[in-house]
């Protein structure tokens, strides 16, 4: 088996490229296609998890004291949850001079 064979199979089998197009595909395009494929799979698993969690939440409970898990990520954790959470862009908050002074004042009170 060639080192390139699994990648070529992915390009032809999953992405629908011809053999010639697969041979001409660069590494950047391959990486982007693989990332998109992983994200589509993750989205499909998230949809399945959401449906299963909804069925679980709306099922009748007959015993007292049963606590149902309300967070779908804790109900059925996926391997890619952490990776996708790390990829999310965090909002950037710009602090003004007054904000910094207030934070320093609070820090001094704590110490």
Protein backbone atom coordinates (compact mmCIF):
# COMPACT_ATOMS: atom_id res chain seq x y z
CA UNK A 1 0.00 0.00 0.00
CA UNK A 2 1.34 3.40 -0.98
CA UNK A 3 1.50 6.21 1.58
CA UNK A 4 -0.74 8.29 -0.68
CA UNK A 5 -3.39 5.59 -1.16
CA UNK A 6 -5.70 6.37 1.84
CA UNK A 7 -5.73 10.04 0.89
CA UNK A 8 -6.45 9.23 -2.74
CA UNK A 9 -9.28 6.91 -1.66
CA UNK A 10 -10.71 9.71 0.49
CA UNK A 11 -10.58 12.20 -2.37
CA UNK A 12 -12.14 9.82 -4.87
CA UNK A 13 -14.58 8.01 -2.56
CA UNK A 14 -15.78 10.78 -0.25
CA UNK A 15 -15.13 13.95 -2.22
CA UNK A 16 -16.13 12.64 -5.64
CA UNK A 17 -12.95 13.67 -7.43
CA UNK A 18 -11.68 11.83 -10.46
CA UNK A 19 -8.36 10.03 -10.30
CA UNK A 20 -6.62 12.85 -12.17
CA UNK A 21 -8.18 15.51 -9.91
CA UNK A 22 -7.11 13.50 -6.86
CA UNK A 23 -3.52 13.39 -8.13
CA UNK A 24 -3.55 17.18 -8.70
CA UNK A 25 -4.97 18.00 -5.27
CA UNK A 26 -2.57 19.96 -3.07
CA UNK A 27 -1.95 19.44 0.63
CA UNK A 28 -3.81 22.60 1.64
CA UNK A 29 -6.94 21.54 -0.27
CA UNK A 30 -6.68 18.00 1.13
CA UNK A 31 -6.44 19.31 4.68
CA UNK A 32 -9.45 21.60 4.13
CA UNK A 33 -11.50 18.73 2.68
CA UNK A 34 -10.61 16.45 5.59
CA UNK A 35 -11.48 19.17 8.12
CA UNK A 36 -14.85 19.78 6.44
CA UNK A 37 -15.53 16.03 6.38
CA UNK A 38 -14.74 15.73 10.12
CA UNK A 39 -16.98 18.70 10.93
CA UNK A 40 -19.88 17.26 8.88
CA UNK A 41 -19.54 13.97 10.76
CA UNK A 42 -19.46 15.81 14.09
CA UNK A 43 -22.58 17.79 13.13
CA UNK A 44 -24.39 14.58 12.21
CA UNK A 45 -23.46 13.01 15.56
CA UNK A 46 -24.61 16.17 17.37
CA UNK A 47 -27.98 15.98 15.63
CA UNK A 48 -28.33 12.31 16.59
CA UNK A 49 -27.34 13.13 20.17
CA UNK A 50 -29.89 15.97 20.32
CA UNK A 51 -32.69 13.67 19.13
CA UNK A 52 -31.71 10.94 21.61
CA UNK A 53 -31.47 13.48 24.42
CA UNK A 54 -34.91 14.90 23.57
CA UNK A 55 -36.45 11.42 23.65
CA UNK A 56 -34.70 10.79 26.98
CA UNK A 57 -35.97 14.05 28.51
CA UNK A 58 -39.58 13.56 27.42
CA UNK A 59 -39.82 9.91 28.42
CA UNK A 60 -41.99 9.39 31.50
CA UNK A 61 -40.24 8.78 34.79
CA UNK A 62 -41.96 6.46 37.23
CA UNK A 63 -39.62 6.50 40.23
CA UNK A 64 -39.06 9.27 42.72
CA UNK A 65 -35.76 11.07 42.93
CA UNK A 66 -34.66 10.35 39.37
CA UNK A 67 -32.59 13.23 38.10
CA UNK A 68 -32.39 13.53 34.34
CA UNK A 69 -29.27 14.93 32.71
CA UNK A 70 -30.20 18.23 31.06
CA UNK A 71 -26.92 18.82 29.23
CA UNK A 72 -26.69 16.82 25.97
CA UNK A 73 -22.88 16.91 26.03
CA UNK A 74 -22.87 15.19 29.44
CA UNK A 75 -25.71 12.87 28.43
CA UNK A 76 -23.65 11.44 25.57
CA UNK A 77 -20.14 12.91 25.26
CA UNK A 78 -18.46 12.72 21.87
CA UNK A 79 -14.72 12.46 21.27
CA UNK A 80 -14.67 15.67 19.25
CA UNK A 81 -16.55 17.83 21.80
CA UNK A 82 -13.34 19.16 23.35
CA UNK A 83 -11.67 19.73 19.98
CA UNK A 84 -14.67 21.65 18.61
CA UNK A 85 -14.96 23.72 21.78
CA UNK A 86 -11.30 24.70 21.48
CA UNK A 87 -11.84 25.77 17.86
CA UNK A 88 -14.61 28.23 18.70
CA UNK A 89 -13.50 31.81 18.48
CA UNK A 90 -13.59 33.61 21.80
CA UNK A 91 -14.95 37.15 21.79
CA UNK A 92 -12.28 39.77 22.35
CA UNK A 93 -13.10 42.34 24.98
CA UNK A 94 -11.12 45.55 24.93
CA UNK A 95 -10.71 47.09 28.35
CA UNK A 96 -10.78 50.82 28.84
CA UNK A 97 -8.48 52.65 31.23
CA UNK A 98 -11.33 52.90 33.76
CA UNK A 99 -11.92 49.14 33.54
CA UNK A 100 -8.26 48.44 34.27
CA UNK A 101 -8.25 50.83 37.21
CA UNK A 102 -11.38 49.17 38.63
CA UNK A 103 -9.84 45.70 38.26
CA UNK A 104 -6.66 46.88 39.99
CA UNK A 105 -8.77 48.37 42.82
CA UNK A 106 -10.61 45.04 43.27
CA UNK A 107 -7.32 43.14 43.16
CA UNK A 108 -5.93 45.38 45.90
CA UNK A 109 -9.03 44.75 48.04
CA UNK A 110 -8.63 41.00 47.65
CA UNK A 111 -4.96 41.05 48.66
